[in-house]
Amino acid sequence: MGRLIAVVLFIALMAPAGLLAQGWSHASARRGAAAAGVEFVPVSPSATAHLDRQAVHGRRLRRLGLLAGVAAVITTVVLFAEASVFLWVPALGTGLLAGVLLAEVTRPRARWALSSPARRPRRGEQISLWLLWTMRGAVAGVVLSTVWLADELGRALTVTALAVPLGGWLLAELALARVLLRPLPADGADVPVDEAQRTWTAHLVVGAASVLALLPLGALLLRAAIDLDDRVTSDGAGLLPVALVAGGFSALIAGVLVAGFLLTWLRPVRQTSPALA
């Protein structure tokens, strides 16, 4: 009976990864609708110039993030020698995701006329609240797990485990505040272009911050499960390691899935010829 309960618990705790994948799959439809909205309006010099400027800015910051990731890999090699091989992918990935977040936080302002009186969009028009709160929940989970394991991790790992997801979360919230508080364009063809750009930014920063939180959270939960094995003293507590393992694998799988969907959002918003021309 105990094994059956453990299996059911394991499956139940793996379900959030599937739900998150479904949420990001629905976001793909939102991306398609936003891109179609841009294609269905006449090409305007201001919108084209704005999108080109945004694309160039994004590429520059992401390349800077890639260079930062390479520098982090070199630093780990100098500090840890052969043991650093396990840190190469996390260091490079963190640099790349930091570049994505910085690119969205520092995007140049649009130069078209703004609505007067100022009109602002609702958060639900930019991104699903389910995805947004999942990101925030994952960050909270990392913080709690790191505090719980602080004695076992040591000072350096504890600081790193807190700094990476919290830094990503702060950058994401800044970018989300920008796209929420900035007034909408006055009217015309600039409106769907602006809406598409806001949608892209919201999904990019939420996706990047989610990956920076979910992957460390999965690793921490698995570490906690290993450390807890020797401490189980009662029958009821025997399910806790199973829950930690299932939660750890679920977080890792969710992080990888979100990273896969994030790649599809890196393509910049483009405006070519009107679809109905």
C-alpha atoms as a PDB file:
ATOM      1  CA  MET A   1       0.000   0.000   0.000  1.00  0.00           C
ATOM      2  CA  GLY A   2       2.816   2.358   0.867  1.00  0.00           C
ATOM      3  CA  ARG A   3       4.435   1.811  -2.531  1.00  0.00           C
ATOM      4  CA  LEU A   4       1.155   2.509  -4.312  1.00  0.00           C
ATOM      5  CA  ILE A   5       0.751   5.764  -2.412  1.00  0.00           C
ATOM      6  CA  ALA A   6       4.314   6.712  -3.289  1.00  0.00           C
ATOM      7  CA  VAL A   7       3.701   6.047  -6.998  1.00  0.00           C
ATOM      8  CA  VAL A   8       0.472   8.059  -6.989  1.00  0.00           C
ATOM      9  CA  LEU A   9       2.214  10.911  -5.174  1.00  0.00           C
ATOM     10  CA  PHE A  10       5.082  10.838  -7.677  1.00  0.00           C
ATOM     11  CA  ILE A  11       2.715  11.018 -10.651  1.00  0.00           C
ATOM     12  CA  ALA A  12       0.657  13.781  -9.044  1.00  0.00           C
ATOM     13  CA  LEU A  13       3.721  15.937  -8.448  1.00  0.00           C
ATOM     14  CA  MET A  14       4.863  15.458 -12.054  1.00  0.00           C
ATOM     15  CA  ALA A  15       1.568  16.870 -13.334  1.00  0.00           C
ATOM     16  CA  PRO A  16       2.534  20.568 -12.928  1.00  0.00           C
ATOM     17  CA  ALA A  17       5.237  20.178 -15.588  1.00  0.00           C
ATOM     18  CA  GLY A  18       2.609  18.979 -18.057  1.00  0.00           C
ATOM     19  CA  LEU A  19       0.256  21.811 -17.157  1.00  0.00           C
ATOM     20  CA  LEU A  20       3.020  24.352 -17.609  1.00  0.00           C
ATOM     21  CA  ALA A  21       3.884  22.894 -21.024  1.00  0.00           C
ATOM     22  CA  GLN A  22       0.228  23.197 -21.993  1.00  0.00           C
ATOM     23  CA  GLY A  23       0.200  26.827 -20.869  1.00  0.00           C
ATOM     24  CA  TRP A  24       3.206  27.661 -23.013  1.00  0.00           C
ATOM     25  CA  SER A  25       1.676  25.775 -25.920  1.00  0.00           C
ATOM     26  CA  HIS A  26      -1.338  28.084 -25.686  1.00  0.00           C
ATOM     27  CA  ALA A  27       1.102  30.998 -25.621  1.00  0.00           C
ATOM     28  CA  SER A  28       2.272  29.904 -29.061  1.00  0.00           C
ATOM     29  CA  ALA A  29      -1.228  30.628 -30.351  1.00  0.00           C
ATOM     30  CA  ARG A  30      -1.030  34.083 -28.775  1.00  0.00           C
ATOM     31  CA  ARG A  31       2.284  34.630 -30.559  1.00  0.00           C
ATOM     32  CA  GLY A  32       0.707  33.654 -33.870  1.00  0.00           C
ATOM     33  CA  ALA A  33      -2.221  36.025 -33.352  1.00  0.00           C
ATOM     34  CA  ALA A  34       0.080  38.914 -32.455  1.00  0.00           C
ATOM     35  CA  ALA A  35       2.284  38.296 -35.493  1.00  0.00           C
ATOM     36  CA  ALA A  36      -0.779  38.079 -37.754  1.00  0.00           C
ATOM     37  CA  GLY A  37      -2.027  41.394 -36.382  1.00  0.00           C
ATOM     38  CA  VAL A  38       1.203  43.032 -37.515  1.00  0.00           C
ATOM     39  CA  GLU A  39       0.925  41.497 -40.985  1.00  0.00           C
ATOM     40  CA  PHE A  40      -2.646  42.730 -41.482  1.00  0.00           C
ATOM     41  CA  VAL A  41      -1.781  46.429 -41.270  1.00  0.00           C
ATOM     42  CA  PRO A  42      -0.130  48.636 -43.904  1.00  0.00           C
ATOM     43  CA  VAL A  43       3.628  48.963 -43.696  1.00  0.00           C
ATOM     44  CA  SER A  44       4.572  52.313 -42.156  1.00  0.00           C
ATOM     45  CA  PRO A  45       8.071  53.811 -42.013  1.00  0.00           C
ATOM     46  CA  SER A  46       7.781  54.514 -38.270  1.00  0.00           C
ATOM     47  CA  ALA A  47       6.719  50.967 -37.401  1.00  0.00           C
ATOM     48  CA  THR A  48       9.365  49.399 -39.640  1.00  0.00           C
ATOM     49  CA  ALA A  49      12.103  51.607 -38.179  1.00  0.00           C
ATOM     50  CA  HIS A  50      10.942  50.814 -34.645  1.00  0.00           C
ATOM     51  CA  LEU A  51      10.942  47.047 -35.207  1.00  0.00           C
ATOM     52  CA  ASP A  52      14.360  47.153 -36.885  1.00  0.00           C
ATOM     53  CA  ARG A  53      15.764  49.165 -33.980  1.00  0.00           C
ATOM     54  CA  GLN A  54      14.267  46.724 -31.479  1.00  0.00           C
ATOM     55  CA  ALA A  55      15.686  43.706 -33.322  1.00  0.00           C
ATOM     56  CA  VAL A  56      19.188  45.165 -33.449  1.00  0.00           C
ATOM     57  CA  HIS A  57      19.061  46.092 -29.772  1.00  0.00           C
ATOM     58  CA  GLY A  58      17.926  42.609 -28.803  1.00  0.00           C
ATOM     59  CA  ARG A  59      20.690  40.915 -30.788  1.00  0.00           C
ATOM     60  CA  ARG A  60      23.370  43.130 -29.251  1.00  0.00           C
ATOM     61  CA  LEU A  61      22.340  42.452 -25.667  1.00  0.00           C
ATOM     62  CA  ARG A  62      21.985  38.726 -26.256  1.00  0.00           C
ATOM     63  CA  ARG A  63      25.463  38.594 -27.740  1.00  0.00           C
ATOM     64  CA  LEU A  64      26.690  40.457 -24.680  1.00  0.00           C
ATOM     65  CA  GLY A  65      24.999  37.829 -22.523  1.00  0.00           C
ATOM     66  CA  LEU A  66      26.695  35.086 -24.537  1.00  0.00           C
ATOM     67  CA  LEU A  67      30.075  36.725 -23.959  1.00  0.00           C
ATOM     68  CA  ALA A  68      29.289  36.996 -20.243  1.00  0.00           C
ATOM     69  CA  GLY A  69      28.432  33.293 -20.205  1.00  0.00           C
ATOM     70  CA  VAL A  70      31.712  32.408 -21.936  1.00  0.00           C
ATOM     71  CA  ALA A  71      33.588  34.565 -19.426  1.00  0.00           C
ATOM     72  CA  ALA A  72      31.803  32.733 -16.595  1.00  0.00           C
ATOM     73  CA  VAL A  73      32.841  29.378 -18.077  1.00  0.00           C
ATOM     74  CA  ILE A  74      36.475  30.503 -18.246  1.00  0.00           C
ATOM     75  CA  THR A  75      36.275  31.702 -14.643  1.00  0.00           C
ATOM     76  CA  THR A  76      34.963  28.349 -13.461  1.00  0.00           C
ATOM     77  CA  VAL A  77      37.783  26.579 -15.297  1.00  0.00           C
ATOM     78  CA  VAL A  78      40.365  28.785 -13.548  1.00  0.00           C
ATOM     79  CA  LEU A  79      38.777  28.304 -10.125  1.00  0.00           C
ATOM     80  CA  PHE A  80      37.725  24.646 -10.218  1.00  0.00           C
ATOM     81  CA  ALA A  81      39.834  23.056 -12.996  1.00  0.00           C
ATOM     82  CA  GLU A  82      38.404  19.658 -14.068  1.00  0.00           C
ATOM     83  CA  ALA A  83      35.494  19.899 -11.624  1.00  0.00           C
ATOM     84  CA  SER A  84      34.192  22.904 -13.572  1.00  0.00           C
ATOM     85  CA  VAL A  85      32.935  20.715 -16.429  1.00  0.00           C
ATOM     86  CA  PHE A  86      29.588  20.383 -14.636  1.00  0.00           C
ATOM     87  CA  LEU A  87      29.288  24.178 -14.409  1.00  0.00           C
ATOM     88  CA  TRP A  88      29.838  25.032 -18.071  1.00  0.00           C
ATOM     89  CA  VAL A  89      26.247  24.607 -19.250  1.00  0.00           C
ATOM     90  CA  PRO A  90      24.673  26.432 -16.253  1.00  0.00           C
ATOM     91  CA  ALA A  91      27.162  29.310 -16.562  1.00  0.00           C
ATOM     92  CA  LEU A  92      26.630  29.692 -20.305  1.00  0.00           C
ATOM     93  CA  GLY A  93      22.854  29.366 -19.987  1.00  0.00           C
ATOM     94  CA  THR A  94      22.712  31.951 -17.215  1.00  0.00           C
ATOM     95  CA  GLY A  95      24.666  34.410 -19.348  1.00  0.00           C
ATOM     96  CA  LEU A  96      22.387  33.885 -22.335  1.00  0.00           C
ATOM     97  CA  LEU A  97      19.216  34.297 -20.275  1.00  0.00           C
ATOM     98  CA  ALA A  98      20.643  37.389 -18.576  1.00  0.00           C
ATOM     99  CA  GLY A  99      21.189  38.867 -22.041  1.00  0.00           C
ATOM    100  CA  VAL A 100      17.564  38.144 -22.953  1.00  0.00           C
ATOM    101  CA  LEU A 101      16.308  39.842 -19.787  1.00  0.00           C
ATOM    102  CA  LEU A 102      18.567  42.878 -20.147  1.00  0.00           C
ATOM    103  CA  ALA A 103      17.529  43.303 -23.777  1.00  0.00           C
ATOM    104  CA  GLU A 104      13.868  43.468 -22.803  1.00  0.00           C
ATOM    105  CA  VAL A 105      14.383  45.753 -19.795  1.00  0.00           C
ATOM    106  CA  THR A 106      16.389  48.290 -21.825  1.00  0.00           C
ATOM    107  CA  ARG A 107      14.390  48.238 -25.073  1.00  0.00           C
ATOM    108  CA  PRO A 108      14.267  51.704 -26.718  1.00  0.00           C
ATOM    109  CA  ARG A 109      11.009  53.582 -26.409  1.00  0.00           C
ATOM    110  CA  ALA A 110       8.764  53.808 -29.422  1.00  0.00           C
ATOM    111  CA  ARG A 111       8.773  57.142 -31.257  1.00  0.00           C
ATOM    112  CA  TRP A 112       5.159  57.190 -32.362  1.00  0.00           C
ATOM    113  CA  ALA A 113       2.454  59.407 -30.887  1.00  0.00           C
ATOM    114  CA  LEU A 114       0.933  58.162 -27.633  1.00  0.00           C
ATOM    115  CA  SER A 115      -2.747  58.150 -26.721  1.00  0.00           C
ATOM    116  CA  SER A 116      -4.144  61.190 -24.952  1.00  0.00           C
ATOM    117  CA  PRO A 117      -5.571  60.723 -22.403  1.00  0.00           C
ATOM    118  CA  ALA A 118      -3.195  57.872 -21.762  1.00  0.00           C
ATOM    119  CA  ARG A 119      -4.621  54.379 -22.283  1.00  0.00           C
ATOM    120  CA  ARG A 120      -2.821  51.350 -20.903  1.00  0.00           C
ATOM    121  CA  PRO A 121      -3.331  47.631 -21.553  1.00  0.00           C
ATOM    122  CA  ARG A 122      -4.350  45.021 -19.027  1.00  0.00           C
ATOM    123  CA  ARG A 123      -1.872  42.373 -17.913  1.00  0.00           C
ATOM    124  CA  GLY A 124      -4.059  39.554 -19.220  1.00  0.00           C
ATOM    125  CA  GLU A 125      -3.837  41.036 -22.729  1.00  0.00           C
ATOM    126  CA  GLN A 126      -0.066  40.503 -22.751  1.00  0.00           C
ATOM    127  CA  ILE A 127       0.458  37.125 -21.089  1.00  0.00           C
ATOM    128  CA  SER A 128      -1.489  34.447 -19.259  1.00  0.00           C
ATOM    129  CA  LEU A 129      -1.570  35.136 -15.528  1.00  0.00           C
ATOM    130  CA  TRP A 130      -1.011  31.394 -14.983  1.00  0.00           C
ATOM    131  CA  LEU A 131       2.448  31.658 -16.603  1.00  0.00           C
ATOM    132  CA  LEU A 132       3.254  34.835 -14.709  1.00  0.00           C
ATOM    133  CA  TRP A 133       2.397  33.437 -11.282  1.00  0.00           C
ATOM    134  CA  THR A 134       4.162  30.169 -12.054  1.00  0.00           C
ATOM    135  CA  MET A 135       7.353  32.175 -12.540  1.00  0.00           C
ATOM    136  CA  ARG A 136       6.845  33.960  -9.232  1.00  0.00           C
ATOM    137  CA  GLY A 137       6.023  30.709  -7.447  1.00  0.00           C
ATOM    138  CA  ALA A 138       9.156  29.049  -8.812  1.00  0.00           C
ATOM    139  CA  VAL A 139      11.300  31.936  -7.543  1.00  0.00           C
ATOM    140  CA  ALA A 140       9.678  31.690  -4.104  1.00  0.00           C
ATOM    141  CA  GLY A 141      10.333  27.940  -4.121  1.00  0.00           C
ATOM    142  CA  VAL A 142      14.025  28.463  -4.892  1.00  0.00           C
ATOM    143  CA  VAL A 143      14.369  30.954  -2.060  1.00  0.00           C
ATOM    144  CA  LEU A 144      12.689  28.644   0.467  1.00  0.00           C
ATOM    145  CA  SER A 145      14.694  25.612  -0.691  1.00  0.00           C
ATOM    146  CA  THR A 146      17.970  27.524  -0.538  1.00  0.00           C
ATOM    147  CA  VAL A 147      17.277  28.777   2.968  1.00  0.00           C
ATOM    148  CA  TRP A 148      16.360  25.232   4.021  1.00  0.00           C
ATOM    149  CA  LEU A 149      19.617  23.805   2.625  1.00  0.00           C
ATOM    150  CA  ALA A 150      21.871  26.742   3.498  1.00  0.00           C
ATOM    151  CA  ASP A 151      23.954  24.736   5.989  1.00  0.00           C
ATOM    152  CA  GLU A 152      24.599  21.908   3.512  1.00  0.00           C
ATOM    153  CA  LEU A 153      25.245  24.150   0.488  1.00  0.00           C
ATOM    154  CA  GLY A 154      27.791  26.469   2.025  1.00  0.00           C
ATOM    155  CA  ARG A 155      28.044  30.209   1.610  1.00  0.00           C
ATOM    156  CA  ALA A 156      29.150  30.387  -2.053  1.00  0.00           C
ATOM    157  CA  LEU A 157      26.466  28.055  -3.401  1.00  0.00           C
ATOM    158  CA  THR A 158      23.804  29.637  -1.220  1.00  0.00           C
ATOM    159  CA  VAL A 159      24.570  33.117  -2.520  1.00  0.00           C
ATOM    160  CA  THR A 160      24.619  31.878  -6.124  1.00  0.00           C
ATOM    161  CA  ALA A 161      21.385  29.919  -5.728  1.00  0.00           C
ATOM    162  CA  LEU A 162      19.675  33.048  -4.398  1.00  0.00           C
ATOM    163  CA  ALA A 163      21.266  35.653  -6.666  1.00  0.00           C
ATOM    164  CA  VAL A 164      20.540  34.014 -10.033  1.00  0.00           C
ATOM    165  CA  PRO A 165      16.754  33.474  -9.742  1.00  0.00           C
ATOM    166  CA  LEU A 166      16.168  36.645  -7.732  1.00  0.00           C
ATOM    167  CA  GLY A 167      18.157  38.720 -10.220  1.00  0.00           C
ATOM    168  CA  GLY A 168      16.211  37.218 -13.120  1.00  0.00           C
ATOM    169  CA  TRP A 169      12.920  37.826 -11.326  1.00  0.00           C
ATOM    170  CA  LEU A 170      13.742  41.496 -10.634  1.00  0.00           C
ATOM    171  CA  LEU A 171      14.694  42.115 -14.270  1.00  0.00           C
ATOM    172  CA  ALA A 172      11.528  40.371 -15.432  1.00  0.00           C
ATOM    173  CA  GLU A 173       9.335  42.458 -13.134  1.00  0.00           C
ATOM    174  CA  LEU A 174      10.978  45.666 -14.375  1.00  0.00           C
ATOM    175  CA  ALA A 175      10.348  44.708 -17.990  1.00  0.00           C
ATOM    176  CA  LEU A 176       6.756  43.723 -17.202  1.00  0.00           C
ATOM    177  CA  ALA A 177       6.184  47.049 -15.438  1.00  0.00           C
ATOM    178  CA  ARG A 178       7.476  48.909 -18.491  1.00  0.00           C
ATOM    179  CA  VAL A 179       5.152  47.198 -20.945  1.00  0.00           C
ATOM    180  CA  LEU A 180       2.195  47.595 -18.566  1.00  0.00           C
ATOM    181  CA  LEU A 181       2.644  51.251 -17.625  1.00  0.00           C
ATOM    182  CA  ARG A 182       3.707  52.640 -21.018  1.00  0.00           C
ATOM    183  CA  PRO A 183       0.698  54.296 -22.743  1.00  0.00           C
ATOM    184  CA  LEU A 184      -0.693  52.755 -25.904  1.00  0.00           C
ATOM    185  CA  PRO A 185      -0.139  54.421 -29.303  1.00  0.00           C
ATOM    186  CA  ALA A 186      -2.654  57.011 -30.413  1.00  0.00           C
ATOM    187  CA  ASP A 187      -4.189  54.973 -33.245  1.00  0.00           C
ATOM    188  CA  GLY A 188      -3.574  53.541 -36.675  1.00  0.00           C
ATOM    189  CA  ALA A 189      -1.119  50.879 -37.794  1.00  0.00           C
ATOM    190  CA  ASP A 190       1.134  51.454 -34.781  1.00  0.00           C
ATOM    191  CA  VAL A 191      -1.369  49.812 -32.393  1.00  0.00           C
ATOM    192  CA  PRO A 192      -0.981  46.133 -33.470  1.00  0.00           C
ATOM    193  CA  VAL A 193       2.797  46.567 -33.768  1.00  0.00           C
ATOM    194  CA  ASP A 194       2.953  47.905 -30.231  1.00  0.00           C
ATOM    195  CA  GLU A 195       0.693  45.120 -28.923  1.00  0.00           C
ATOM    196  CA  ALA A 196       2.849  42.444 -30.570  1.00  0.00           C
ATOM    197  CA  GLN A 197       6.016  43.951 -29.114  1.00  0.00           C
ATOM    198  CA  ARG A 198       4.529  44.009 -25.612  1.00  0.00           C
ATOM    199  CA  THR A 199       3.386  40.394 -25.980  1.00  0.00           C
ATOM    200  CA  TRP A 200       6.867  39.323 -27.107  1.00  0.00           C
ATOM    201  CA  THR A 201       8.560  41.145 -24.223  1.00  0.00           C
ATOM    202  CA  ALA A 202       6.200  39.733 -21.587  1.00  0.00           C
ATOM    203  CA  HIS A 203       6.711  36.132 -22.729  1.00  0.00           C
ATOM    204  CA  LEU A 204      10.468  36.496 -23.155  1.00  0.00           C
ATOM    205  CA  VAL A 205      11.081  37.812 -19.648  1.00  0.00           C
ATOM    206  CA  VAL A 206       8.637  35.424 -17.949  1.00  0.00           C
ATOM    207  CA  GLY A 207      10.147  32.483 -19.835  1.00  0.00           C
ATOM    208  CA  ALA A 208      13.729  33.469 -19.068  1.00  0.00           C
ATOM    209  CA  ALA A 209      13.036  34.102 -15.377  1.00  0.00           C
ATOM    210  CA  SER A 210      11.087  30.830 -15.136  1.00  0.00           C
ATOM    211  CA  VAL A 211      14.027  28.836 -16.498  1.00  0.00           C
ATOM    212  CA  LEU A 212      16.435  30.594 -14.107  1.00  0.00           C
ATOM    213  CA  ALA A 213      14.187  29.536 -11.215  1.00  0.00           C
ATOM    214  CA  LEU A 214      12.885  26.102 -12.240  1.00  0.00           C
ATOM    215  CA  LEU A 215      16.230  24.456 -12.992  1.00  0.00           C
ATOM    216  CA  PRO A 216      17.878  25.480  -9.674  1.00  0.00           C
ATOM    217  CA  LEU A 217      14.668  24.547  -7.856  1.00  0.00           C
ATOM    218  CA  GLY A 218      14.775  21.039  -9.329  1.00  0.00           C
ATOM    219  CA  ALA A 219      18.418  20.587  -8.378  1.00  0.00           C
ATOM    220  CA  LEU A 220      17.792  21.819  -4.823  1.00  0.00           C
ATOM    221  CA  LEU A 221      14.807  19.529  -4.306  1.00  0.00           C
ATOM    222  CA  LEU A 222      16.801  16.511  -5.476  1.00  0.00           C
ATOM    223  CA  ARG A 223      19.638  17.517  -3.161  1.00  0.00           C
ATOM    224  CA  ALA A 224      17.180  17.803  -0.278  1.00  0.00           C
ATOM    225  CA  ALA A 225      15.779  14.341  -1.052  1.00  0.00           C
ATOM    226  CA  ILE A 226      19.271  12.820  -0.932  1.00  0.00           C
ATOM    227  CA  ASP A 227      20.078  14.518   2.366  1.00  0.00           C
ATOM    228  CA  LEU A 228      16.742  13.484   3.858  1.00  0.00           C
ATOM    229  CA  ASP A 229      17.110   9.758   3.205  1.00  0.00           C
ATOM    230  CA  ASP A 230      19.121   9.163   6.358  1.00  0.00           C
ATOM    231  CA  ARG A 231      16.810  11.261   8.523  1.00  0.00           C
ATOM    232  CA  VAL A 232      13.519   9.451   7.947  1.00  0.00           C
ATOM    233  CA  THR A 233      12.369   8.064  11.255  1.00  0.00           C
ATOM    234  CA  SER A 234       8.631   7.505  10.824  1.00  0.00           C
ATOM    235  CA  ASP A 235       6.398   5.820   8.265  1.00  0.00           C
ATOM    236  CA  GLY A 236       4.654   9.071   7.391  1.00  0.00           C
ATOM    237  CA  ALA A 237       7.934  10.852   6.775  1.00  0.00           C
ATOM    238  CA  GLY A 238       8.909   8.159   4.282  1.00  0.00           C
ATOM    239  CA  LEU A 239       6.774   9.858   1.643  1.00  0.00           C
ATOM    240  CA  LEU A 240       8.683  13.124   1.952  1.00  0.00           C
ATOM    241  CA  PRO A 241      11.758  11.948  -0.025  1.00  0.00           C
ATOM    242  CA  VAL A 242       9.426  10.670  -2.753  1.00  0.00           C
ATOM    243  CA  ALA A 243       7.694  14.043  -2.861  1.00  0.00           C
ATOM    244  CA  LEU A 244      11.020  15.861  -3.060  1.00  0.00           C
ATOM    245  CA  VAL A 245      12.305  13.616  -5.868  1.00  0.00           C
ATOM    246  CA  ALA A 246       9.071  13.978  -7.830  1.00  0.00           C
ATOM    247  CA  GLY A 247       9.051  17.741  -7.300  1.00  0.00           C
ATOM    248  CA  GLY A 248      12.696  17.967  -8.324  1.00  0.00           C
ATOM    249  CA  PHE A 249      12.207  16.042 -11.557  1.00  0.00           C
ATOM    250  CA  SER A 250       9.021  17.976 -12.283  1.00  0.00           C
ATOM    251  CA  ALA A 251      10.844  21.307 -11.885  1.00  0.00           C
ATOM    252  CA  LEU A 252      13.750  20.176 -14.059  1.00  0.00           C
ATOM    253  CA  ILE A 253      11.457  18.915 -16.823  1.00  0.00           C
ATOM    254  CA  ALA A 254       9.379  22.096 -16.634  1.00  0.00           C
ATOM    255  CA  GLY A 255      12.525  24.233 -16.907  1.00  0.00           C
ATOM    256  CA  VAL A 256      13.698  22.375 -20.005  1.00  0.00           C
ATOM    257  CA  LEU A 257      10.243  22.618 -21.600  1.00  0.00           C
ATOM    258  CA  VAL A 258       9.988  26.354 -20.939  1.00  0.00           C
ATOM    259  CA  ALA A 259      13.469  26.834 -22.402  1.00  0.00           C
ATOM    260  CA  GLY A 260      12.301  25.072 -25.556  1.00  0.00           C
ATOM    261  CA  PHE A 261       9.273  27.340 -25.887  1.00  0.00           C
ATOM    262  CA  LEU A 262      11.421  30.379 -25.087  1.00  0.00           C
ATOM    263  CA  LEU A 263      13.519  29.737 -28.187  1.00  0.00           C
ATOM    264  CA  THR A 264      10.451  30.269 -30.362  1.00  0.00           C
ATOM    265  CA  TRP A 265       9.915  33.739 -28.861  1.00  0.00           C
ATOM    266  CA  LEU A 266      13.461  34.933 -29.625  1.00  0.00           C
ATOM    267  CA  ARG A 267      12.553  35.631 -33.249  1.00  0.00           C
ATOM    268  CA  PRO A 268      11.906  39.401 -33.412  1.00  0.00           C
ATOM    269  CA  VAL A 269       8.577  40.866 -34.458  1.00  0.00           C
ATOM    270  CA  ARG A 270       8.648  41.542 -38.207  1.00  0.00           C
ATOM    271  CA  GLN A 271       6.453  43.566 -40.543  1.00  0.00           C
ATOM    272  CA  THR A 272       6.601  42.766 -44.242  1.00  0.00           C
ATOM    273  CA  SER A 273       3.823  43.260 -46.754  1.00  0.00           C
ATOM    274  CA  PRO A 274       0.173  43.433 -45.669  1.00  0.00           C
ATOM    275  CA  ALA A 275      -1.496  40.023 -45.730  1.00  0.00           C
ATOM    276  CA  LEU A 276      -4.507  41.373 -47.620  1.00  0.00           C
ATOM    277  CA  ALA A 277      -2.575  43.390 -50.191  1.00  0.00           C
END
